[in-house]
Amino acid sequence: MNKHFFFLTFVATILLLAGVHRSQAQLVVQNGNFQNLSGLTQASPEWYNGVPTGWTGVNASFTVRELDPLPTGNYVANLNALTTVSPAFVPLYQAVGTLSTAGIVTLNFELIPLIAPTGMSAGIFNTQNSASYNDWTVLALPAAAYETAGFQTLATTVAIDAGTPIGIAFWQGSGTPGAPGIDNVSVVPEPSTYALLGLGAAGLGAHLVRRRRR
């Protein structure tokens, strides 16, 4: 009876701690759906000029587009205009916060070809607490360019240390065709399994100590 009770307590503790530490490790993407049009100027019924709020990139024309049929109220960022490779590499990027719990970091986004075929890339970075992308170091890059419309993911292959400042970036590669649009950008931290097991064991140990003192 006691063994069964302790096992259930152990499992419940791990699940509870998993939920708690996911919320503590939350990384926030500002304007990840590009619905905030503040600071942009309307160039046509569907196109807007400027850099989307919360992001850094090339300040150009036709950078944010409302999808057809108008009005949908659904806006996407046009990497064709917001990024450059030549003469200097400039991605569309932003810092999304500091990782509070060690674990895997996953970047999610939707690729919407504004002009097909299309190709683009993305990355997860350690910002080194710098506002300049040139100071960032790579944590994850895709093996190949993204070319298929729909939801995409990119994840670090190893757990990233707690306290690491995280940044994300998108760009249209040199020589890639079309005009890639991105939407619904989010970053999800997944706490390390070993960390959660350790926390669960600690929680169970504390529970057993309390029981013995009764």
N, C-alpha and C. Protein backbone atom coordinates (compact mmCIF):
# COMPACT_ATOMS: atom_id res chain seq x y z
N MET A 1 0.84 -1.20 0.00
CA MET A 1 0.00 0.00 0.00
C MET A 1 0.87 1.25 0.00
N ASN A 2 1.90 1.26 0.91
CA ASN A 2 2.77 2.42 1.01
C ASN A 2 3.59 2.60 -0.27
N LYS A 3 4.08 1.47 -0.84
CA LYS A 3 4.86 1.56 -2.07
C LYS A 3 4.03 2.14 -3.20
N HIS A 4 2.77 1.70 -3.29
CA HIS A 4 1.89 2.22 -4.33
C HIS A 4 1.65 3.71 -4.13
N PHE A 5 1.45 4.10 -2.90
CA PHE A 5 1.21 5.52 -2.59
C PHE A 5 2.42 6.37 -2.94
N PHE A 6 3.62 5.87 -2.57
CA PHE A 6 4.83 6.62 -2.86
C PHE A 6 5.05 6.77 -4.36
N PHE A 7 4.75 5.70 -5.13
CA PHE A 7 4.92 5.76 -6.58
C PHE A 7 4.00 6.80 -7.19
N LEU A 8 2.74 6.82 -6.76
CA LEU A 8 1.79 7.80 -7.29
C LEU A 8 2.21 9.21 -6.91
N THR A 9 2.73 9.37 -5.70
CA THR A 9 3.20 10.69 -5.26
C THR A 9 4.37 11.15 -6.11
N PHE A 10 5.28 10.21 -6.40
CA PHE A 10 6.44 10.52 -7.23
C PHE A 10 6.03 11.01 -8.61
N VAL A 11 5.11 10.26 -9.26
CA VAL A 11 4.64 10.62 -10.59
C VAL A 11 3.93 11.97 -10.57
N ALA A 12 3.06 12.17 -9.58
CA ALA A 12 2.32 13.43 -9.48
C ALA A 12 3.27 14.60 -9.28
N THR A 13 4.31 14.39 -8.49
CA THR A 13 5.28 15.47 -8.24
C THR A 13 6.01 15.87 -9.51
N ILE A 14 6.41 14.86 -10.30
CA ILE A 14 7.10 15.15 -11.57
C ILE A 14 6.20 15.93 -12.51
N LEU A 15 4.93 15.50 -12.63
CA LEU A 15 4.01 16.18 -13.53
C LEU A 15 3.76 17.60 -13.08
N LEU A 16 3.62 17.79 -11.76
CA LEU A 16 3.39 19.14 -11.24
C LEU A 16 4.59 20.03 -11.49
N LEU A 17 5.78 19.50 -11.22
CA LEU A 17 6.98 20.29 -11.44
C LEU A 17 7.21 20.59 -12.90
N ALA A 18 6.84 19.65 -13.77
CA ALA A 18 6.96 19.89 -15.21
C ALA A 18 6.11 21.08 -15.61
N GLY A 19 4.88 21.15 -15.13
CA GLY A 19 4.00 22.27 -15.44
C GLY A 19 4.52 23.57 -14.89
N VAL A 20 5.00 23.53 -13.64
CA VAL A 20 5.51 24.74 -13.00
C VAL A 20 6.73 25.27 -13.73
N HIS A 21 7.65 24.38 -14.06
CA HIS A 21 8.89 24.85 -14.67
C HIS A 21 8.72 25.22 -16.13
N ARG A 22 7.72 24.66 -16.81
CA ARG A 22 7.44 25.14 -18.17
C ARG A 22 6.99 26.59 -18.11
N SER A 23 6.12 26.92 -17.15
CA SER A 23 5.64 28.29 -17.06
C SER A 23 6.77 29.22 -16.64
N GLN A 24 7.67 28.77 -15.74
CA GLN A 24 8.76 29.61 -15.30
C GLN A 24 9.75 29.87 -16.44
N ALA A 25 9.89 28.89 -17.35
CA ALA A 25 10.88 29.01 -18.42
C ALA A 25 10.31 29.65 -19.67
N GLN A 26 9.13 30.24 -19.57
CA GLN A 26 8.44 30.76 -20.75
C GLN A 26 9.28 31.82 -21.46
N LEU A 27 9.35 31.71 -22.78
CA LEU A 27 10.01 32.69 -23.63
C LEU A 27 8.93 33.35 -24.48
N VAL A 28 8.95 34.65 -24.56
CA VAL A 28 7.84 35.39 -25.18
C VAL A 28 8.28 36.05 -26.48
N VAL A 29 7.58 35.73 -27.57
CA VAL A 29 7.79 36.37 -28.86
C VAL A 29 6.82 37.55 -28.97
N GLN A 30 7.36 38.73 -29.16
CA GLN A 30 6.52 39.91 -29.34
C GLN A 30 5.99 39.96 -30.78
N ASN A 31 4.70 40.16 -30.90
CA ASN A 31 4.07 40.33 -32.21
C ASN A 31 4.41 39.17 -33.15
N GLY A 32 4.31 37.93 -32.61
CA GLY A 32 4.64 36.76 -33.40
C GLY A 32 3.64 36.44 -34.48
N ASN A 33 2.44 37.04 -34.39
CA ASN A 33 1.44 36.84 -35.46
C ASN A 33 1.31 38.07 -36.35
N PHE A 34 2.13 39.08 -36.08
CA PHE A 34 2.24 40.29 -36.91
C PHE A 34 0.92 41.04 -37.03
N GLN A 35 0.06 40.89 -36.04
CA GLN A 35 -1.22 41.60 -36.03
C GLN A 35 -1.07 43.05 -35.59
N ASN A 36 0.01 43.36 -34.86
CA ASN A 36 0.25 44.72 -34.40
C ASN A 36 0.86 45.52 -35.55
N LEU A 37 0.10 46.44 -36.09
CA LEU A 37 0.55 47.23 -37.24
C LEU A 37 1.11 48.60 -36.83
N SER A 38 1.32 48.79 -35.52
CA SER A 38 1.84 50.07 -35.04
C SER A 38 3.16 50.41 -35.71
N GLY A 39 3.30 51.64 -36.18
CA GLY A 39 4.54 52.09 -36.80
C GLY A 39 4.65 51.77 -38.27
N LEU A 40 3.73 50.97 -38.80
CA LEU A 40 3.74 50.66 -40.23
C LEU A 40 2.88 51.66 -41.00
N THR A 41 3.21 51.85 -42.26
CA THR A 41 2.40 52.71 -43.12
C THR A 41 1.77 51.87 -44.21
N GLN A 42 0.50 52.13 -44.49
CA GLN A 42 -0.22 51.34 -45.48
C GLN A 42 0.15 51.79 -46.89
N ALA A 43 0.60 50.84 -47.71
CA ALA A 43 1.02 51.15 -49.08
C ALA A 43 -0.07 50.83 -50.09
N SER A 44 -0.95 49.91 -49.74
CA SER A 44 -2.05 49.49 -50.61
C SER A 44 -3.08 48.82 -49.71
N PRO A 45 -4.21 48.38 -50.25
CA PRO A 45 -5.20 47.73 -49.38
C PRO A 45 -4.66 46.55 -48.58
N GLU A 46 -3.64 45.85 -49.12
CA GLU A 46 -3.15 44.67 -48.40
C GLU A 46 -1.70 44.77 -47.92
N TRP A 47 -0.94 45.75 -48.40
CA TRP A 47 0.48 45.84 -48.08
C TRP A 47 0.79 46.99 -47.13
N TYR A 48 1.80 46.74 -46.24
CA TYR A 48 2.27 47.75 -45.29
C TYR A 48 3.78 47.85 -45.37
N ASN A 49 4.31 49.05 -45.09
CA ASN A 49 5.75 49.30 -45.13
C ASN A 49 6.29 49.48 -43.72
N GLY A 50 7.56 49.09 -43.53
CA GLY A 50 8.21 49.28 -42.23
C GLY A 50 8.54 47.97 -41.56
N VAL A 51 9.18 48.07 -40.38
CA VAL A 51 9.57 46.90 -39.60
C VAL A 51 8.49 46.60 -38.56
N PRO A 52 7.99 45.37 -38.48
CA PRO A 52 6.94 45.04 -37.51
C PRO A 52 7.36 45.33 -36.07
N THR A 53 6.43 45.78 -35.25
CA THR A 53 6.67 46.03 -33.84
C THR A 53 7.25 44.79 -33.16
N GLY A 54 8.28 45.01 -32.33
CA GLY A 54 8.91 43.92 -31.60
C GLY A 54 10.07 43.27 -32.33
N TRP A 55 10.22 43.56 -33.61
CA TRP A 55 11.24 42.93 -34.44
C TRP A 55 12.28 43.95 -34.90
N THR A 56 13.44 43.44 -35.32
CA THR A 56 14.46 44.25 -35.97
C THR A 56 14.74 43.64 -37.34
N GLY A 57 14.81 44.47 -38.36
CA GLY A 57 15.06 43.98 -39.71
C GLY A 57 15.23 45.15 -40.66
N VAL A 58 15.19 44.86 -41.94
CA VAL A 58 15.33 45.90 -42.96
C VAL A 58 14.05 46.74 -43.02
N ASN A 59 14.21 48.04 -42.94
CA ASN A 59 13.06 48.95 -43.04
C ASN A 59 12.80 49.21 -44.52
N ALA A 60 11.80 48.54 -45.06
CA ALA A 60 11.58 48.57 -46.51
C ALA A 60 10.09 48.70 -46.81
N SER A 61 9.77 48.60 -48.09
CA SER A 61 8.37 48.64 -48.54
C SER A 61 7.83 47.22 -48.72
N PHE A 62 6.52 47.10 -48.59
CA PHE A 62 5.83 45.82 -48.77
C PHE A 62 6.40 44.74 -47.84
N THR A 63 6.45 45.06 -46.56
CA THR A 63 7.05 44.17 -45.57
C THR A 63 6.02 43.31 -44.83
N VAL A 64 4.80 43.79 -44.70
CA VAL A 64 3.74 43.04 -44.03
C VAL A 64 2.53 43.00 -44.95
N ARG A 65 1.92 41.82 -45.09
CA ARG A 65 0.81 41.66 -46.01
C ARG A 65 -0.40 41.05 -45.33
N GLU A 66 -1.57 41.59 -45.65
CA GLU A 66 -2.82 40.97 -45.21
C GLU A 66 -3.22 39.93 -46.26
N LEU A 67 -3.50 38.72 -45.80
CA LEU A 67 -3.78 37.64 -46.72
C LEU A 67 -5.17 37.77 -47.35
N ASP A 68 -5.29 37.27 -48.56
CA ASP A 68 -6.57 37.28 -49.29
C ASP A 68 -7.49 36.20 -48.72
N PRO A 69 -8.80 36.29 -48.95
CA PRO A 69 -9.49 37.44 -49.55
C PRO A 69 -9.69 38.55 -48.52
N LEU A 70 -9.44 39.77 -48.94
CA LEU A 70 -9.57 40.92 -48.03
C LEU A 70 -11.04 41.17 -47.69
N PRO A 71 -11.30 41.65 -46.45
CA PRO A 71 -10.35 41.74 -45.34
C PRO A 71 -10.37 40.47 -44.49
N THR A 72 -9.21 39.87 -44.26
CA THR A 72 -9.14 38.69 -43.40
C THR A 72 -8.67 39.04 -42.00
N GLY A 73 -7.91 40.16 -41.86
CA GLY A 73 -7.34 40.50 -40.57
C GLY A 73 -6.18 39.59 -40.20
N ASN A 74 -5.67 38.83 -41.17
CA ASN A 74 -4.54 37.94 -40.93
C ASN A 74 -3.33 38.48 -41.67
N TYR A 75 -2.29 38.88 -40.89
CA TYR A 75 -1.12 39.53 -41.47
C TYR A 75 0.11 38.63 -41.33
N VAL A 76 0.99 38.67 -42.34
CA VAL A 76 2.23 37.89 -42.32
C VAL A 76 3.39 38.80 -42.67
N ALA A 77 4.58 38.42 -42.21
CA ALA A 77 5.80 39.18 -42.51
C ALA A 77 6.44 38.67 -43.78
N ASN A 78 6.85 39.58 -44.65
CA ASN A 78 7.46 39.24 -45.93
C ASN A 78 8.98 39.27 -45.80
N LEU A 79 9.60 38.09 -45.70
CA LEU A 79 11.05 38.03 -45.53
C LEU A 79 11.81 38.55 -46.74
N ASN A 80 11.17 38.52 -47.90
CA ASN A 80 11.80 39.04 -49.10
C ASN A 80 12.20 40.50 -48.95
N ALA A 81 11.38 41.25 -48.19
CA ALA A 81 11.65 42.67 -48.00
C ALA A 81 12.34 42.98 -46.67
N LEU A 82 12.08 42.16 -45.65
CA LEU A 82 12.56 42.45 -44.30
C LEU A 82 13.97 41.95 -44.03
N THR A 83 14.54 41.15 -44.95
CA THR A 83 15.89 40.63 -44.75
C THR A 83 16.74 40.86 -46.00
N THR A 84 18.05 40.87 -45.80
CA THR A 84 18.98 40.98 -46.93
C THR A 84 20.18 40.07 -46.69
N VAL A 85 20.82 39.68 -47.76
CA VAL A 85 22.06 38.91 -47.69
C VAL A 85 23.23 39.74 -48.21
N SER A 86 22.97 40.56 -49.19
CA SER A 86 24.01 41.37 -49.83
C SER A 86 23.51 42.81 -49.95
N PRO A 87 24.36 43.80 -49.65
CA PRO A 87 25.80 43.72 -49.35
C PRO A 87 26.11 43.27 -47.93
N ALA A 88 25.14 43.34 -47.00
CA ALA A 88 25.38 42.87 -45.63
C ALA A 88 24.22 41.98 -45.20
N PHE A 89 24.54 40.93 -44.44
CA PHE A 89 23.50 40.02 -43.98
C PHE A 89 22.69 40.66 -42.86
N VAL A 90 21.38 40.77 -43.08
CA VAL A 90 20.47 41.32 -42.07
C VAL A 90 19.24 40.43 -42.00
N PRO A 91 19.06 39.68 -40.89
CA PRO A 91 17.86 38.87 -40.75
C PRO A 91 16.74 39.67 -40.08
N LEU A 92 15.58 39.07 -39.99
CA LEU A 92 14.50 39.60 -39.16
C LEU A 92 14.62 38.88 -37.82
N TYR A 93 14.84 39.63 -36.73
CA TYR A 93 15.18 38.96 -35.48
C TYR A 93 14.62 39.68 -34.26
N GLN A 94 14.62 38.96 -33.13
CA GLN A 94 14.29 39.56 -31.85
C GLN A 94 14.77 38.66 -30.71
N ALA A 95 15.08 39.29 -29.58
CA ALA A 95 15.39 38.57 -28.34
C ALA A 95 14.07 38.22 -27.67
N VAL A 96 13.96 36.98 -27.15
CA VAL A 96 12.68 36.51 -26.61
C VAL A 96 12.71 36.22 -25.12
N GLY A 97 13.84 36.47 -24.45
CA GLY A 97 13.90 36.27 -23.01
C GLY A 97 15.05 35.38 -22.59
N THR A 98 15.11 35.13 -21.29
CA THR A 98 16.17 34.32 -20.71
C THR A 98 15.60 32.99 -20.23
N LEU A 99 16.28 31.91 -20.57
CA LEU A 99 15.83 30.58 -20.19
C LEU A 99 16.06 30.37 -18.70
N SER A 100 14.99 30.12 -17.95
CA SER A 100 15.12 29.98 -16.50
C SER A 100 15.36 28.54 -16.07
N THR A 101 15.05 27.58 -16.94
CA THR A 101 15.27 26.16 -16.63
C THR A 101 16.00 25.51 -17.79
N ALA A 102 17.05 24.76 -17.51
CA ALA A 102 17.80 24.09 -18.57
C ALA A 102 16.91 23.15 -19.37
N GLY A 103 17.06 23.15 -20.68
CA GLY A 103 16.26 22.25 -21.50
C GLY A 103 16.36 22.56 -22.98
N ILE A 104 15.59 21.81 -23.75
CA ILE A 104 15.52 21.99 -25.20
C ILE A 104 14.67 23.22 -25.52
N VAL A 105 15.10 23.98 -26.53
CA VAL A 105 14.34 25.16 -26.98
C VAL A 105 13.84 24.88 -28.39
N THR A 106 12.54 25.06 -28.62
CA THR A 106 11.92 24.80 -29.91
C THR A 106 11.30 26.06 -30.48
N LEU A 107 11.62 26.35 -31.73
CA LEU A 107 11.05 27.47 -32.46
C LEU A 107 9.96 26.94 -33.41
N ASN A 108 8.76 27.50 -33.31
CA ASN A 108 7.64 27.12 -34.17
C ASN A 108 7.23 28.31 -35.02
N PHE A 109 6.88 28.08 -36.28
CA PHE A 109 6.39 29.16 -37.14
C PHE A 109 5.66 28.54 -38.33
N GLU A 110 4.91 29.39 -39.02
CA GLU A 110 4.20 28.96 -40.21
C GLU A 110 4.81 29.62 -41.44
N LEU A 111 5.14 28.84 -42.44
CA LEU A 111 5.67 29.36 -43.70
C LEU A 111 4.52 29.52 -44.69
N ILE A 112 4.36 30.75 -45.19
CA ILE A 112 3.30 31.05 -46.15
C ILE A 112 3.95 31.66 -47.40
N PRO A 113 4.06 30.91 -48.49
CA PRO A 113 4.67 31.45 -49.71
C PRO A 113 3.82 32.58 -50.30
N LEU A 114 4.34 33.79 -50.26
CA LEU A 114 3.63 34.91 -50.89
C LEU A 114 3.84 34.87 -52.39
N ILE A 115 5.02 34.43 -52.80
CA ILE A 115 5.30 34.13 -54.21
C ILE A 115 6.02 32.79 -54.23
N ALA A 116 5.41 31.79 -54.83
CA ALA A 116 6.00 30.43 -54.86
C ALA A 116 6.74 30.20 -56.18
N PRO A 117 7.73 29.28 -56.20
CA PRO A 117 8.28 28.55 -55.05
C PRO A 117 9.10 29.46 -54.16
N THR A 118 9.35 29.01 -52.94
CA THR A 118 10.03 29.88 -52.00
C THR A 118 10.99 29.09 -51.13
N GLY A 119 11.95 29.78 -50.54
CA GLY A 119 12.91 29.16 -49.63
C GLY A 119 13.34 30.16 -48.57
N MET A 120 13.56 29.67 -47.36
CA MET A 120 13.94 30.55 -46.26
C MET A 120 14.68 29.74 -45.21
N SER A 121 15.26 30.43 -44.23
CA SER A 121 15.93 29.75 -43.14
C SER A 121 15.59 30.45 -41.83
N ALA A 122 15.99 29.82 -40.72
CA ALA A 122 15.69 30.34 -39.39
C ALA A 122 16.76 29.86 -38.43
N GLY A 123 16.82 30.46 -37.25
CA GLY A 123 17.81 30.03 -36.28
C GLY A 123 17.42 30.40 -34.86
N ILE A 124 17.96 29.64 -33.91
CA ILE A 124 17.85 29.93 -32.49
C ILE A 124 19.24 30.31 -32.01
N PHE A 125 19.34 31.37 -31.20
CA PHE A 125 20.64 31.93 -30.85
C PHE A 125 20.76 32.25 -29.37
N ASN A 126 22.01 32.30 -28.92
CA ASN A 126 22.35 32.91 -27.63
C ASN A 126 22.67 34.36 -27.94
N THR A 127 21.88 35.28 -27.39
CA THR A 127 22.05 36.70 -27.74
C THR A 127 23.25 37.33 -27.05
N GLN A 128 23.86 36.64 -26.09
CA GLN A 128 24.96 37.22 -25.32
C GLN A 128 24.54 38.54 -24.67
N ASN A 129 23.22 38.69 -24.46
CA ASN A 129 22.66 39.92 -23.87
C ASN A 129 23.00 41.16 -24.70
N SER A 130 23.13 40.96 -26.00
CA SER A 130 23.42 42.07 -26.91
C SER A 130 22.22 42.33 -27.81
N ALA A 131 21.94 43.60 -28.08
CA ALA A 131 20.86 43.97 -28.99
C ALA A 131 21.26 43.80 -30.44
N SER A 132 22.54 43.60 -30.70
CA SER A 132 23.05 43.47 -32.07
C SER A 132 23.13 42.00 -32.47
N TYR A 133 22.51 41.65 -33.59
CA TYR A 133 22.56 40.27 -34.08
C TYR A 133 23.99 39.82 -34.34
N ASN A 134 24.87 40.73 -34.68
CA ASN A 134 26.26 40.38 -35.00
C ASN A 134 26.99 39.76 -33.81
N ASP A 135 26.48 39.97 -32.59
CA ASP A 135 27.11 39.43 -31.39
C ASP A 135 26.51 38.08 -30.99
N TRP A 136 25.44 37.65 -31.66
CA TRP A 136 24.75 36.42 -31.27
C TRP A 136 25.53 35.19 -31.72
N THR A 137 25.38 34.10 -30.97
CA THR A 137 26.00 32.83 -31.33
C THR A 137 24.92 31.78 -31.57
N VAL A 138 25.20 30.87 -32.49
CA VAL A 138 24.19 29.89 -32.94
C VAL A 138 23.97 28.79 -31.90
N LEU A 139 22.69 28.49 -31.66
CA LEU A 139 22.28 27.34 -30.86
C LEU A 139 21.63 26.26 -31.73
N ALA A 140 20.96 26.67 -32.81
CA ALA A 140 20.32 25.70 -33.72
C ALA A 140 20.08 26.33 -35.07
N LEU A 141 20.39 25.57 -36.12
CA LEU A 141 20.11 25.95 -37.50
C LEU A 141 19.52 24.73 -38.21
N PRO A 142 18.65 24.92 -39.21
CA PRO A 142 18.09 23.78 -39.93
C PRO A 142 19.13 23.15 -40.85
N ALA A 143 18.92 21.87 -41.15
CA ALA A 143 19.85 21.17 -42.05
C ALA A 143 19.71 21.65 -43.48
N ALA A 144 18.53 22.14 -43.84
CA ALA A 144 18.28 22.62 -45.20
C ALA A 144 17.25 23.74 -45.14
N ALA A 145 17.12 24.47 -46.24
CA ALA A 145 16.16 25.56 -46.30
C ALA A 145 14.74 25.04 -46.17
N TYR A 146 13.87 25.85 -45.58
CA TYR A 146 12.45 25.53 -45.52
C TYR A 146 11.80 25.93 -46.84
N GLU A 147 11.11 24.99 -47.47
CA GLU A 147 10.50 25.26 -48.76
C GLU A 147 9.02 24.87 -48.83
N THR A 148 8.54 24.16 -47.83
CA THR A 148 7.17 23.65 -47.85
C THR A 148 6.25 24.53 -47.01
N ALA A 149 5.12 24.93 -47.59
CA ALA A 149 4.16 25.75 -46.87
C ALA A 149 3.60 24.98 -45.68
N GLY A 150 3.31 25.71 -44.61
CA GLY A 150 2.72 25.08 -43.44
C GLY A 150 3.57 25.30 -42.21
N PHE A 151 3.20 24.62 -41.13
CA PHE A 151 3.88 24.81 -39.85
C PHE A 151 5.23 24.09 -39.84
N GLN A 152 6.24 24.78 -39.30
CA GLN A 152 7.60 24.28 -39.26
C GLN A 152 8.14 24.37 -37.83
N THR A 153 9.12 23.53 -37.53
CA THR A 153 9.75 23.57 -36.21
C THR A 153 11.27 23.47 -36.35
N LEU A 154 11.95 24.08 -35.40
CA LEU A 154 13.40 23.98 -35.29
C LEU A 154 13.71 23.88 -33.81
N ALA A 155 14.51 22.87 -33.41
CA ALA A 155 14.81 22.67 -32.00
C ALA A 155 16.31 22.49 -31.78
N THR A 156 16.78 22.89 -30.62
CA THR A 156 18.17 22.63 -30.27
C THR A 156 18.34 21.12 -30.07
N THR A 157 19.50 20.61 -30.40
CA THR A 157 19.74 19.17 -30.28
C THR A 157 20.20 18.78 -28.89
N VAL A 158 20.61 19.74 -28.09
CA VAL A 158 21.02 19.49 -26.71
C VAL A 158 20.32 20.48 -25.79
N ALA A 159 20.27 20.16 -24.51
CA ALA A 159 19.66 21.06 -23.53
C ALA A 159 20.51 22.32 -23.41
N ILE A 160 19.83 23.45 -23.36
CA ILE A 160 20.50 24.74 -23.20
C ILE A 160 20.51 25.12 -21.73
N ASP A 161 21.62 25.66 -21.26
CA ASP A 161 21.76 25.98 -19.84
C ASP A 161 20.77 27.05 -19.39
N ALA A 162 20.29 26.91 -18.16
CA ALA A 162 19.47 27.95 -17.55
C ALA A 162 20.28 29.25 -17.50
N GLY A 163 19.59 30.37 -17.69
CA GLY A 163 20.27 31.66 -17.70
C GLY A 163 20.74 32.11 -19.06
N THR A 164 20.54 31.26 -20.08
CA THR A 164 20.96 31.64 -21.43
C THR A 164 19.94 32.59 -22.05
N PRO A 165 20.37 33.75 -22.53
CA PRO A 165 19.45 34.67 -23.22
C PRO A 165 19.20 34.18 -24.64
N ILE A 166 17.94 34.02 -24.99
CA ILE A 166 17.56 33.39 -26.26
C ILE A 166 17.08 34.43 -27.27
N GLY A 167 17.50 34.25 -28.52
CA GLY A 167 17.03 35.08 -29.63
C GLY A 167 16.66 34.20 -30.81
N ILE A 168 15.80 34.71 -31.68
CA ILE A 168 15.40 33.98 -32.88
C ILE A 168 15.58 34.88 -34.10
N ALA A 169 15.78 34.27 -35.26
CA ALA A 169 15.98 35.04 -36.49
C ALA A 169 15.46 34.27 -37.69
N PHE A 170 15.02 35.02 -38.70
CA PHE A 170 14.53 34.45 -39.96
C PHE A 170 15.16 35.22 -41.11
N TRP A 171 15.36 34.54 -42.24
CA TRP A 171 15.90 35.23 -43.40
C TRP A 171 15.62 34.44 -44.67
N GLN A 172 15.61 35.15 -45.79
CA GLN A 172 15.55 34.51 -47.10
C GLN A 172 16.97 34.36 -47.60
N GLY A 173 17.36 33.13 -47.89
CA GLY A 173 18.74 32.86 -48.27
C GLY A 173 19.12 33.43 -49.61
N SER A 174 20.42 33.56 -49.81
CA SER A 174 20.93 34.07 -51.08
C SER A 174 20.57 33.13 -52.22
N GLY A 175 19.95 33.68 -53.25
CA GLY A 175 19.62 32.90 -54.43
C GLY A 175 18.36 32.07 -54.32
N THR A 176 17.68 32.13 -53.16
CA THR A 176 16.44 31.36 -53.02
C THR A 176 15.30 32.12 -53.69
N PRO A 177 14.36 31.40 -54.32
CA PRO A 177 13.31 32.05 -55.11
C PRO A 177 12.15 32.52 -54.26
N GLY A 178 11.23 33.25 -54.93
CA GLY A 178 9.96 33.59 -54.33
C GLY A 178 10.03 34.61 -53.22
N ALA A 179 8.94 34.71 -52.48
CA ALA A 179 8.83 35.63 -51.36
C ALA A 179 8.20 34.87 -50.19
N PRO A 180 9.03 34.41 -49.23
CA PRO A 180 8.48 33.67 -48.10
C PRO A 180 7.85 34.59 -47.06
N GLY A 181 6.64 34.24 -46.64
CA GLY A 181 5.99 34.93 -45.54
C GLY A 181 6.00 34.04 -44.32
N ILE A 182 6.11 34.64 -43.13
CA ILE A 182 6.07 33.86 -41.89
C ILE A 182 4.97 34.40 -40.98
N ASP A 183 4.42 33.51 -40.15
CA ASP A 183 3.33 33.87 -39.26
C ASP A 183 3.35 32.92 -38.06
N ASN A 184 2.61 33.28 -37.01
CA ASN A 184 2.40 32.42 -35.82
C ASN A 184 3.72 31.91 -35.25
N VAL A 185 4.62 32.85 -34.97
CA VAL A 185 5.93 32.50 -34.43
C VAL A 185 5.84 32.34 -32.91
N SER A 186 6.39 31.24 -32.39
CA SER A 186 6.44 31.03 -30.95
C SER A 186 7.70 30.27 -30.59
N VAL A 187 8.12 30.38 -29.33
CA VAL A 187 9.28 29.66 -28.83
C VAL A 187 8.86 28.91 -27.57
N VAL A 188 9.15 27.60 -27.56
CA VAL A 188 8.71 26.75 -26.44
C VAL A 188 9.93 26.10 -25.79
N PRO A 189 10.17 26.38 -24.50
CA PRO A 189 11.24 25.69 -23.79
C PRO A 189 10.70 24.41 -23.15
N GLU A 190 11.45 23.32 -23.27
CA GLU A 190 11.07 22.05 -22.65
C GLU A 190 12.13 21.69 -21.62
N PRO A 191 11.80 21.74 -20.33
CA PRO A 191 12.79 21.45 -19.29
C PRO A 191 13.42 20.08 -19.46
N SER A 192 14.69 19.97 -19.09
CA SER A 192 15.44 18.72 -19.20
C SER A 192 14.76 17.61 -18.40
N THR A 193 14.67 16.42 -18.99
CA THR A 193 14.08 15.27 -18.31
C THR A 193 14.82 14.96 -17.02
N TYR A 194 16.15 15.01 -17.07
CA TYR A 194 16.91 14.69 -15.87
C TYR A 194 16.68 15.72 -14.78
N ALA A 195 16.53 16.98 -15.17
CA ALA A 195 16.25 18.02 -14.18
C ALA A 195 14.91 17.77 -13.51
N LEU A 196 13.90 17.40 -14.31
CA LEU A 196 12.58 17.14 -13.75
C LEU A 196 12.59 15.91 -12.85
N LEU A 197 13.33 14.88 -13.26
CA LEU A 197 13.42 13.69 -12.42
C LEU A 197 14.08 14.02 -11.09
N GLY A 198 15.12 14.84 -11.14
CA GLY A 198 15.79 15.24 -9.91
C GLY A 198 14.87 16.03 -9.00
N LEU A 199 14.12 16.95 -9.61
CA LEU A 199 13.19 17.75 -8.83
C LEU A 199 12.08 16.88 -8.26
N GLY A 200 11.63 15.92 -9.06
CA GLY A 200 10.59 15.02 -8.57
C GLY A 200 11.08 14.18 -7.41
N ALA A 201 12.31 13.68 -7.51
CA ALA A 201 12.89 12.89 -6.43
C ALA A 201 13.06 13.73 -5.17
N ALA A 202 13.46 14.99 -5.36
CA ALA A 202 13.61 15.88 -4.21
C ALA A 202 12.26 16.12 -3.54
N GLY A 203 11.24 16.30 -4.37
CA GLY A 203 9.90 16.51 -3.81
C GLY A 203 9.41 15.30 -3.05
N LEU A 204 9.67 14.10 -3.59
CA LEU A 204 9.26 12.88 -2.92
C LEU A 204 10.05 12.70 -1.63
N GLY A 205 11.34 13.01 -1.66
CA GLY A 205 12.15 12.89 -0.46
C GLY A 205 11.64 13.79 0.65
N ALA A 206 11.29 15.02 0.29
CA ALA A 206 10.75 15.94 1.29
C ALA A 206 9.45 15.41 1.87
N HIS A 207 8.63 14.79 1.01
CA HIS A 207 7.36 14.23 1.47
C HIS A 207 7.61 13.10 2.47
N LEU A 208 8.58 12.23 2.19
CA LEU A 208 8.88 11.11 3.08
C LEU A 208 9.41 11.59 4.42
N VAL A 209 10.25 12.63 4.39
CA VAL A 209 10.77 13.18 5.64
C VAL A 209 9.64 13.71 6.50
N ARG A 210 8.70 14.41 5.86
CA ARG A 210 7.56 14.95 6.63
C ARG A 210 6.74 13.83 7.25
N ARG A 211 6.56 12.72 6.49
CA ARG A 211 5.76 11.60 7.01
C ARG A 211 6.45 10.96 8.22
N ARG A 212 7.78 10.83 8.18
CA ARG A 212 8.50 10.20 9.28
C ARG A 212 8.45 11.05 10.55
N ARG A 213 8.33 12.35 10.37
CA ARG A 213 8.30 13.24 11.54
C ARG A 213 6.95 13.24 12.23
N ARG A 214 5.92 12.72 11.55
CA ARG A 214 4.59 12.73 12.15
C ARG A 214 4.45 11.67 13.22
